[in-house]
Amino acid sequence: VTSQYQGVVDRLGLHPGVVTPSTLSALNLLNIDRLASD
């Protein structure tokens, strides 16, 4: 499965250095300082 997504990038002559799920990527956009402790 992951090779299919990486293959799209490979065939364009690019290097897929990191593969990550979308939720973990989105979590990095959270402004932790503005959130409650939970």
PDB file of all heavy atoms in Angstrom:
ATOM      1  N   VAL A   1       0.833  -1.207   0.000  1.00  0.00           N
ATOM      2  CA  VAL A   1       0.000   0.000   0.000  1.00  0.00           C
ATOM      3  C   VAL A   1       0.867   1.256   0.000  1.00  0.00           C
ATOM      4  O   VAL A   1       0.703   2.147  -0.842  1.00  0.00           O
ATOM      5  CB  VAL A   1      -0.957   0.006   1.216  1.00  0.00           C
ATOM      6  CG1 VAL A   1      -1.634   1.373   1.369  1.00  0.00           C
ATOM      7  CG2 VAL A   1      -2.009  -1.083   1.060  1.00  0.00           C
ATOM      8  N   THR A   2       1.807   1.342   0.936  1.00  0.00           N
ATOM      9  CA  THR A   2       2.644   2.546   1.002  1.00  0.00           C
ATOM     10  C   THR A   2       3.477   2.714  -0.266  1.00  0.00           C
ATOM     11  O   THR A   2       3.747   3.841  -0.691  1.00  0.00           O
ATOM     12  CB  THR A   2       3.575   2.499   2.220  1.00  0.00           C
ATOM     13  OG1 THR A   2       4.361   1.304   2.183  1.00  0.00           O
ATOM     14  CG2 THR A   2       2.778   2.537   3.516  1.00  0.00           C
ATOM     15  N   SER A   3       3.869   1.598  -0.889  1.00  0.00           N
ATOM     16  CA  SER A   3       4.688   1.695  -2.106  1.00  0.00           C
ATOM     17  C   SER A   3       3.923   2.346  -3.251  1.00  0.00           C
ATOM     18  O   SER A   3       4.523   2.961  -4.134  1.00  0.00           O
ATOM     19  CB  SER A   3       5.182   0.309  -2.523  1.00  0.00           C
ATOM     20  OG  SER A   3       4.096  -0.537  -2.881  1.00  0.00           O
ATOM     21  N   GLN A   4       2.582   2.243  -3.249  1.00  0.00           N
ATOM     22  CA  GLN A   4       1.798   2.898  -4.295  1.00  0.00           C
ATOM     23  C   GLN A   4       1.901   4.420  -4.191  1.00  0.00           C
ATOM     24  O   GLN A   4       2.075   5.108  -5.190  1.00  0.00           O
ATOM     25  CB  GLN A   4       0.335   2.479  -4.192  1.00  0.00           C
ATOM     26  CG  GLN A   4       0.090   1.006  -4.485  1.00  0.00           C
ATOM     27  CD  GLN A   4      -1.348   0.635  -4.215  1.00  0.00           C
ATOM     28  OE1 GLN A   4      -2.260   1.119  -4.883  1.00  0.00           O
ATOM     29  NE2 GLN A   4      -1.565  -0.217  -3.233  1.00  0.00           N
ATOM     30  N   TYR A   5       1.790   4.924  -2.959  1.00  0.00           N
ATOM     31  CA  TYR A   5       1.882   6.371  -2.754  1.00  0.00           C
ATOM     32  C   TYR A   5       3.305   6.867  -3.010  1.00  0.00           C
ATOM     33  O   TYR A   5       3.511   7.917  -3.625  1.00  0.00           O
ATOM     34  CB  TYR A   5       1.440   6.721  -1.335  1.00  0.00           C
ATOM     35  CG  TYR A   5      -0.023   6.449  -1.078  1.00  0.00           C
ATOM     36  CD1 TYR A   5      -0.450   5.270  -0.476  1.00  0.00           C
ATOM     37  CD2 TYR A   5      -0.999   7.378  -1.455  1.00  0.00           C
ATOM     38  CE1 TYR A   5      -1.795   5.016  -0.246  1.00  0.00           C
ATOM     39  CE2 TYR A   5      -2.349   7.136  -1.224  1.00  0.00           C
ATOM     40  CZ  TYR A   5      -2.740   5.955  -0.623  1.00  0.00           C
ATOM     41  OH  TYR A   5      -4.072   5.716  -0.412  1.00  0.00           O
ATOM     42  N   GLN A   6       4.283   6.108  -2.532  1.00  0.00           N
ATOM     43  CA  GLN A   6       5.677   6.494  -2.774  1.00  0.00           C
ATOM     44  C   GLN A   6       6.010   6.421  -4.257  1.00  0.00           C
ATOM     45  O   GLN A   6       6.774   7.238  -4.774  1.00  0.00           O
ATOM     46  CB  GLN A   6       6.607   5.577  -1.977  1.00  0.00           C
ATOM     47  CG  GLN A   6       6.540   5.802  -0.479  1.00  0.00           C
ATOM     48  CD  GLN A   6       7.368   4.787   0.283  1.00  0.00           C
ATOM     49  OE1 GLN A   6       7.109   3.581   0.248  1.00  0.00           O
ATOM     50  NE2 GLN A   6       8.385   5.269   0.981  1.00  0.00           N
ATOM     51  N   GLY A   7       5.424   5.435  -4.946  1.00  0.00           N
ATOM     52  CA  GLY A   7       5.722   5.250  -6.366  1.00  0.00           C
ATOM     53  C   GLY A   7       5.304   6.433  -7.209  1.00  0.00           C
ATOM     54  O   GLY A   7       5.978   6.777  -8.195  1.00  0.00           O
ATOM     55  N   VAL A   8       4.179   7.077  -6.844  1.00  0.00           N
ATOM     56  CA  VAL A   8       3.731   8.257  -7.588  1.00  0.00           C
ATOM     57  C   VAL A   8       4.807   9.336  -7.564  1.00  0.00           C
ATOM     58  O   VAL A   8       5.105   9.979  -8.576  1.00  0.00           O
ATOM     59  CB  VAL A   8       2.420   8.802  -6.982  1.00  0.00           C
ATOM     60  CG1 VAL A   8       2.077  10.168  -7.560  1.00  0.00           C
ATOM     61  CG2 VAL A   8       1.276   7.830  -7.235  1.00  0.00           C
ATOM     62  N   VAL A   9       5.413   9.531  -6.383  1.00  0.00           N
ATOM     63  CA  VAL A   9       6.463  10.535  -6.227  1.00  0.00           C
ATOM     64  C   VAL A   9       7.754  10.087  -6.916  1.00  0.00           C
ATOM     65  O   VAL A   9       8.426  10.876  -7.592  1.00  0.00           O
ATOM     66  CB  VAL A   9       6.706  10.820  -4.735  1.00  0.00           C
ATOM     67  CG1 VAL A   9       7.818  11.834  -4.547  1.00  0.00           C
ATOM     68  CG2 VAL A   9       5.423  11.317  -4.075  1.00  0.00           C
ATOM     69  N   ASP A  10       8.087   8.819  -6.762  1.00  0.00           N
ATOM     70  CA  ASP A  10       9.308   8.282  -7.379  1.00  0.00           C
ATOM     71  C   ASP A  10       9.309   8.481  -8.893  1.00  0.00           C
ATOM     72  O   ASP A  10      10.323   8.861  -9.485  1.00  0.00           O
ATOM     73  CB  ASP A  10       9.453   6.784  -7.069  1.00  0.00           C
ATOM     74  CG  ASP A  10       9.909   6.522  -5.639  1.00  0.00           C
ATOM     75  OD1 ASP A  10      10.613   7.390  -5.072  1.00  0.00           O
ATOM     76  OD2 ASP A  10       9.560   5.464  -5.097  1.00  0.00           O
ATOM     77  N   ARG A  11       8.169   8.223  -9.517  1.00  0.00           N
ATOM     78  CA  ARG A  11       8.105   8.282 -10.977  1.00  0.00           C
ATOM     79  C   ARG A  11       8.218   9.711 -11.501  1.00  0.00           C
ATOM     80  O   ARG A  11       8.453   9.905 -12.696  1.00  0.00           O
ATOM     81  CB  ARG A  11       6.822   7.611 -11.468  1.00  0.00           C
ATOM     82  CG  ARG A  11       6.879   6.085 -11.389  1.00  0.00           C
ATOM     83  CD  ARG A  11       5.680   5.433 -12.057  1.00  0.00           C
ATOM     84  NE  ARG A  11       4.446   5.657 -11.323  1.00  0.00           N
ATOM     85  CZ  ARG A  11       4.022   4.892 -10.313  1.00  0.00           C
ATOM     86  NH1 ARG A  11       4.760   3.862  -9.895  1.00  0.00           N
ATOM     87  NH2 ARG A  11       2.883   5.140  -9.713  1.00  0.00           N
ATOM     88  N   LEU A  12       8.052  10.686 -10.609  1.00  0.00           N
ATOM     89  CA  LEU A  12       8.271  12.080 -11.006  1.00  0.00           C
ATOM     90  C   LEU A  12       9.705  12.516 -10.743  1.00  0.00           C
ATOM     91  O   LEU A  12      10.046  13.687 -10.897  1.00  0.00           O
ATOM     92  CB  LEU A  12       7.302  12.995 -10.249  1.00  0.00           C
ATOM     93  CG  LEU A  12       5.812  12.842 -10.596  1.00  0.00           C
ATOM     94  CD1 LEU A  12       4.972  13.778  -9.740  1.00  0.00           C
ATOM     95  CD2 LEU A  12       5.563  13.095 -12.070  1.00  0.00           C
ATOM     96  N   GLY A  13      10.558  11.557 -10.362  1.00  0.00           N
ATOM     97  CA  GLY A  13      11.960  11.861 -10.103  1.00  0.00           C
ATOM     98  C   GLY A  13      12.189  12.551  -8.769  1.00  0.00           C
ATOM     99  O   GLY A  13      13.224  13.209  -8.578  1.00  0.00           O
ATOM    100  N   LEU A  14      11.248  12.398  -7.829  1.00  0.00           N
ATOM    101  CA  LEU A  14      11.360  13.030  -6.516  1.00  0.00           C
ATOM    102  C   LEU A  14      11.577  11.967  -5.444  1.00  0.00           C
ATOM    103  O   LEU A  14      11.349  10.779  -5.663  1.00  0.00           O
ATOM    104  CB  LEU A  14      10.090  13.841  -6.213  1.00  0.00           C
ATOM    105  CG  LEU A  14       9.776  14.938  -7.233  1.00  0.00           C
ATOM    106  CD1 LEU A  14       8.386  15.503  -6.981  1.00  0.00           C
ATOM    107  CD2 LEU A  14      10.820  16.047  -7.167  1.00  0.00           C
ATOM    108  N   HIS A  15      11.983  12.416  -4.263  1.00  0.00           N
ATOM    109  CA  HIS A  15      12.295  11.486  -3.181  1.00  0.00           C
ATOM    110  C   HIS A  15      11.299  11.643  -2.037  1.00  0.00           C
ATOM    111  O   HIS A  15      11.251  12.688  -1.391  1.00  0.00           O
ATOM    112  CB  HIS A  15      13.710  11.748  -2.651  1.00  0.00           C
ATOM    113  CG  HIS A  15      14.044  10.904  -1.452  1.00  0.00           C
ATOM    114  ND1 HIS A  15      14.043   9.535  -1.484  1.00  0.00           N
ATOM    115  CD2 HIS A  15      14.373  11.258  -0.186  1.00  0.00           C
ATOM    116  CE1 HIS A  15      14.371   9.071  -0.290  1.00  0.00           C
ATOM    117  NE2 HIS A  15      14.566  10.089   0.517  1.00  0.00           N
ATOM    118  N   PRO A  16      10.490  10.592  -1.769  1.00  0.00           N
ATOM    119  CA  PRO A  16       9.545  10.650  -0.646  1.00  0.00           C
ATOM    120  C   PRO A  16      10.269  10.316   0.663  1.00  0.00           C
ATOM    121  O   PRO A  16      10.282   9.164   1.104  1.00  0.00           O
ATOM    122  CB  PRO A  16       8.506   9.590  -1.008  1.00  0.00           C
ATOM    123  CG  PRO A  16       9.265   8.591  -1.838  1.00  0.00           C
ATOM    124  CD  PRO A  16      10.340   9.366  -2.576  1.00  0.00           C
ATOM    125  N   GLY A  17      10.866  11.319   1.282  1.00  0.00           N
ATOM    126  CA  GLY A  17      11.695  11.074   2.462  1.00  0.00           C
ATOM    127  C   GLY A  17      10.911  10.628   3.668  1.00  0.00           C
ATOM    128  O   GLY A  17      11.408   9.850   4.490  1.00  0.00           O
ATOM    129  N   VAL A  18       9.675  11.097   3.821  1.00  0.00           N
ATOM    130  CA  VAL A  18       8.838  10.743   4.964  1.00  0.00           C
ATOM    131  C   VAL A  18       7.440  10.429   4.464  1.00  0.00           C
ATOM    132  O   VAL A  18       6.917  11.115   3.591  1.00  0.00           O
ATOM    133  CB  VAL A  18       8.770  11.900   5.990  1.00  0.00           C
ATOM    134  CG1 VAL A  18       7.746  11.621   7.079  1.00  0.00           C
ATOM    135  CG2 VAL A  18      10.137  12.147   6.618  1.00  0.00           C
ATOM    136  N   VAL A  19       6.861   9.367   4.994  1.00  0.00           N
ATOM    137  CA  VAL A  19       5.462   9.031   4.722  1.00  0.00           C
ATOM    138  C   VAL A  19       4.735   9.066   6.068  1.00  0.00           C
ATOM    139  O   VAL A  19       5.161   8.422   7.016  1.00  0.00           O
ATOM    140  CB  VAL A  19       5.319   7.635   4.086  1.00  0.00           C
ATOM    141  CG1 VAL A  19       3.843   7.293   3.877  1.00  0.00           C
ATOM    142  CG2 VAL A  19       6.075   7.564   2.775  1.00  0.00           C
ATOM    143  N   THR A  20       3.646   9.833   6.138  1.00  0.00           N
ATOM    144  CA  THR A  20       2.963   9.992   7.424  1.00  0.00           C
ATOM    145  C   THR A  20       1.455  10.060   7.220  1.00  0.00           C
ATOM    146  O   THR A  20       0.988  10.586   6.208  1.00  0.00           O
ATOM    147  CB  THR A  20       3.472  11.265   8.141  1.00  0.00           C
ATOM    148  OG1 THR A  20       2.892  11.355   9.436  1.00  0.00           O
ATOM    149  CG2 THR A  20       3.164  12.517   7.361  1.00  0.00           C
ATOM    150  N   PRO A  21       0.667   9.523   8.146  1.00  0.00           N
ATOM    151  CA  PRO A  21      -0.795   9.589   8.032  1.00  0.00           C
ATOM    152  C   PRO A  21      -1.309  11.009   8.223  1.00  0.00           C
ATOM    153  O   PRO A  21      -0.710  11.811   8.933  1.00  0.00           O
ATOM    154  CB  PRO A  21      -1.288   8.678   9.165  1.00  0.00           C
ATOM    155  CG  PRO A  21      -0.100   7.907   9.611  1.00  0.00           C
ATOM    156  CD  PRO A  21       1.091   8.734   9.316  1.00  0.00           C
ATOM    157  N   SER A  22      -2.457  11.292   7.626  1.00  0.00           N
ATOM    158  CA  SER A  22      -2.951  12.664   7.608  1.00  0.00           C
ATOM    159  C   SER A  22      -3.315  13.185   8.998  1.00  0.00           C
ATOM    160  O   SER A  22      -3.110  14.366   9.287  1.00  0.00           O
ATOM    161  CB  SER A  22      -4.152  12.776   6.672  1.00  0.00           C
ATOM    162  OG  SER A  22      -5.194  11.910   7.080  1.00  0.00           O
ATOM    163  N   THR A  23      -3.843  12.340   9.881  1.00  0.00           N
ATOM    164  CA  THR A  23      -4.200  12.831  11.215  1.00  0.00           C
ATOM    165  C   THR A  23      -2.970  13.278  11.995  1.00  0.00           C
ATOM    166  O   THR A  23      -2.988  14.313  12.672  1.00  0.00           O
ATOM    167  CB  THR A  23      -4.970  11.767  12.011  1.00  0.00           C
ATOM    168  OG1 THR A  23      -6.295  11.651  11.483  1.00  0.00           O
ATOM    169  CG2 THR A  23      -5.090  12.151  13.489  1.00  0.00           C
ATOM    170  N   LEU A  24      -1.885  12.517  11.919  1.00  0.00           N
ATOM    171  CA  LEU A  24      -0.677  12.915  12.638  1.00  0.00           C
ATOM    172  C   LEU A  24      -0.116  14.213  12.068  1.00  0.00           C
ATOM    173  O   LEU A  24       0.422  15.047  12.808  1.00  0.00           O
ATOM    174  CB  LEU A  24       0.379  11.811  12.571  1.00  0.00           C
ATOM    175  CG  LEU A  24       0.026  10.496  13.277  1.00  0.00           C
ATOM    176  CD1 LEU A  24       1.234   9.578  13.315  1.00  0.00           C
ATOM    177  CD2 LEU A  24      -0.506  10.733  14.670  1.00  0.00           C
ATOM    178  N   SER A  25      -0.246  14.407  10.759  1.00  0.00           N
ATOM    179  CA  SER A  25       0.185  15.672  10.170  1.00  0.00           C
ATOM    180  C   SER A  25      -0.683  16.821  10.662  1.00  0.00           C
ATOM    181  O   SER A  25      -0.190  17.887  11.018  1.00  0.00           O
ATOM    182  CB  SER A  25       0.121  15.603   8.642  1.00  0.00           C
ATOM    183  OG  SER A  25       1.084  14.700   8.148  1.00  0.00           O
ATOM    184  N   ALA A  26      -1.996  16.584  10.698  1.00  0.00           N
ATOM    185  CA  ALA A  26      -2.913  17.639  11.134  1.00  0.00           C
ATOM    186  C   ALA A  26      -2.682  18.004  12.599  1.00  0.00           C
ATOM    187  O   ALA A  26      -2.792  19.175  12.980  1.00  0.00           O
ATOM    188  CB  ALA A  26      -4.355  17.189  10.922  1.00  0.00           C
ATOM    189  N   LEU A  27      -2.357  17.028  13.427  1.00  0.00           N
ATOM    190  CA  LEU A  27      -2.131  17.302  14.846  1.00  0.00           C
ATOM    191  C   LEU A  27      -0.984  18.282  15.058  1.00  0.00           C
ATOM    192  O   LEU A  27      -0.959  19.018  16.053  1.00  0.00           O
ATOM    193  CB  LEU A  27      -1.850  16.004  15.605  1.00  0.00           C
ATOM    194  CG  LEU A  27      -3.065  15.109  15.871  1.00  0.00           C
ATOM    195  CD1 LEU A  27      -2.630  13.765  16.437  1.00  0.00           C
ATOM    196  CD2 LEU A  27      -4.044  15.785  16.822  1.00  0.00           C
ATOM    197  N   ASN A  28      -0.036  18.297  14.136  1.00  0.00           N
ATOM    198  CA  ASN A  28       1.085  19.231  14.259  1.00  0.00           C
ATOM    199  C   ASN A  28       0.659  20.679  14.049  1.00  0.00           C
ATOM    200  O   ASN A  28       1.428  21.600  14.338  1.00  0.00           O
ATOM    201  CB  ASN A  28       2.189  18.859  13.265  1.00  0.00           C
ATOM    202  CG  ASN A  28       3.012  17.686  13.735  1.00  0.00           C
ATOM    203  OD1 ASN A  28       3.663  17.744  14.773  1.00  0.00           O
ATOM    204  ND2 ASN A  28       2.971  16.596  13.002  1.00  0.00           N
ATOM    205  N   LEU A  29      -0.540  20.893  13.516  1.00  0.00           N
ATOM    206  CA  LEU A  29      -1.041  22.253  13.328  1.00  0.00           C
ATOM    207  C   LEU A  29      -1.746  22.793  14.573  1.00  0.00           C
ATOM    208  O   LEU A  29      -2.080  23.968  14.634  1.00  0.00           O
ATOM    209  CB  LEU A  29      -2.016  22.305  12.151  1.00  0.00           C
ATOM    210  CG  LEU A  29      -1.416  22.113  10.765  1.00  0.00           C
ATOM    211  CD1 LEU A  29      -2.539  22.036   9.726  1.00  0.00           C
ATOM    212  CD2 LEU A  29      -0.464  23.241  10.413  1.00  0.00           C
ATOM    213  N   LEU A  30      -1.985  21.941  15.554  1.00  0.00           N
ATOM    214  CA  LEU A  30      -2.670  22.384  16.763  1.00  0.00           C
ATOM    215  C   LEU A  30      -1.805  23.366  17.544  1.00  0.00           C
ATOM    216  O   LEU A  30      -0.613  23.135  17.754  1.00  0.00           O
ATOM    217  CB  LEU A  30      -3.008  21.189  17.654  1.00  0.00           C
ATOM    218  CG  LEU A  30      -4.143  20.278  17.183  1.00  0.00           C
ATOM    219  CD1 LEU A  30      -4.243  19.071  18.089  1.00  0.00           C
ATOM    220  CD2 LEU A  30      -5.464  21.027  17.157  1.00  0.00           C
ATOM    221  N   ASN A  31      -2.427  24.429  17.986  1.00  0.00           N
ATOM    222  CA  ASN A  31      -1.749  25.377  18.867  1.00  0.00           C
ATOM    223  C   ASN A  31      -1.967  24.901  20.294  1.00  0.00           C
ATOM    224  O   ASN A  31      -2.982  25.193  20.928  1.00  0.00           O
ATOM    225  CB  ASN A  31      -2.311  26.790  18.669  1.00  0.00           C
ATOM    226  CG  ASN A  31      -1.492  27.837  19.400  1.00  0.00           C
ATOM    227  OD1 ASN A  31      -0.904  27.567  20.448  1.00  0.00           O
ATOM    228  ND2 ASN A  31      -1.445  29.046  18.860  1.00  0.00           N
ATOM    229  N   ILE A  32      -0.998  24.140  20.806  1.00  0.00           N
ATOM    230  CA  ILE A  32      -1.150  23.497  22.101  1.00  0.00           C
ATOM    231  C   ILE A  32      -1.387  24.516  23.207  1.00  0.00           C
ATOM    232  O   ILE A  32      -2.135  24.270  24.161  1.00  0.00           O
ATOM    233  CB  ILE A  32       0.085  22.636  22.419  1.00  0.00           C
ATOM    234  CG1 ILE A  32       0.290  21.572  21.330  1.00  0.00           C
ATOM    235  CG2 ILE A  32      -0.054  21.971  23.782  1.00  0.00           C
ATOM    236  CD1 ILE A  32      -0.857  20.620  21.154  1.00  0.00           C
ATOM    237  N   ASP A  33      -0.778  25.680  23.083  1.00  0.00           N
ATOM    238  CA  ASP A  33      -0.894  26.693  24.132  1.00  0.00           C
ATOM    239  C   ASP A  33      -2.328  27.182  24.300  1.00  0.00           C
ATOM    240  O   ASP A  33      -2.695  27.680  25.366  1.00  0.00           O
ATOM    241  CB  ASP A  33       0.020  27.887  23.830  1.00  0.00           C
ATOM    242  CG  ASP A  33       1.496  27.505  23.875  1.00  0.00           C
ATOM    243  OD1 ASP A  33       1.805  26.501  24.543  1.00  0.00           O
ATOM    244  OD2 ASP A  33       2.314  28.192  23.236  1.00  0.00           O
ATOM    245  N   ARG A  34      -3.125  27.077  23.251  1.00  0.00           N
ATOM    246  CA  ARG A  34      -4.506  27.578  23.314  1.00  0.00           C
ATOM    247  C   ARG A  34      -5.500  26.489  23.695  1.00  0.00           C
ATOM    248  O   ARG A  34      -6.695  26.766  23.820  1.00  0.00           O
ATOM    249  CB  ARG A  34      -4.901  28.186  21.967  1.00  0.00           C
ATOM    250  CG  ARG A  34      -4.100  29.437  21.596  1.00  0.00           C
ATOM    251  CD  ARG A  34      -4.624  30.034  20.314  1.00  0.00           C
ATOM    252  NE  ARG A  34      -3.869  31.229  19.940  1.00  0.00           N
ATOM    253  CZ  ARG A  34      -4.109  31.949  18.845  1.00  0.00           C
ATOM    254  NH1 ARG A  34      -5.082  31.599  18.027  1.00  0.00           N
ATOM    255  NH2 ARG A  34      -3.385  33.015  18.570  1.00  0.00           N
ATOM    256  N   LEU A  35      -5.031  25.267  23.867  1.00  0.00           N
ATOM    257  CA  LEU A  35      -5.924  24.165  24.193  1.00  0.00           C
ATOM    258  C   LEU A  35      -5.993  23.943  25.701  1.00  0.00           C
ATOM    259  O   LEU A  35      -5.067  24.283  26.437  1.00  0.00           O
ATOM    260  CB  LEU A  35      -5.437  22.874  23.530  1.00  0.00           C
ATOM    261  CG  LEU A  35      -5.405  22.830  22.002  1.00  0.00           C
ATOM    262  CD1 LEU A  35      -4.836  21.495  21.532  1.00  0.00           C
ATOM    263  CD2 LEU A  35      -6.797  23.051  21.416  1.00  0.00           C
ATOM    264  N   ALA A  36      -7.087  23.364  26.146  1.00  0.00           N
ATOM    265  CA  ALA A  36      -7.172  22.922  27.536  1.00  0.00           C
ATOM    266  C   ALA A  36      -6.204  21.764  27.737  1.00  0.00           C
ATOM    267  O   ALA A  36      -5.702  21.167  26.771  1.00  0.00           O
ATOM    268  CB  ALA A  36      -8.601  22.489  27.844  1.00  0.00           C
ATOM    269  N   SER A  37      -5.927  21.442  28.991  1.00  0.00           N
ATOM    270  CA  SER A  37      -4.970  20.354  29.259  1.00  0.00           C
ATOM    271  C   SER A  37      -5.433  19.050  28.630  1.00  0.00           C
ATOM    272  O   SER A  37      -4.625  18.241  28.166  1.00  0.00           O
ATOM    273  CB  SER A  37      -4.775  20.178  30.771  1.00  0.00           C
ATOM    274  OG  SER A  37      -6.028  19.929  31.395  1.00  0.00           O
ATOM    275  N   ASP A  38      -6.749  18.816  28.599  1.00  0.00           N
ATOM    276  CA  ASP A  38      -7.326  17.686  27.882  1.00  0.00           C
ATOM    277  C   ASP A  38      -8.117  18.243  26.706  1.00  0.00           C
ATOM    278  O   ASP A  38      -8.993  19.103  26.885  1.00  0.00           O
ATOM    279  CB  ASP A  38      -8.252  16.877  28.789  1.00  0.00           C
ATOM    280  CG  ASP A  38      -7.483  16.086  29.836  1.00  0.00           C
ATOM    281  OD1 ASP A  38      -6.239  16.062  29.777  1.00  0.00           O
ATOM    282  OD2 ASP A  38      -8.135  15.506  30.721  1.00  0.00           O
TER     283      ASP A  38
END
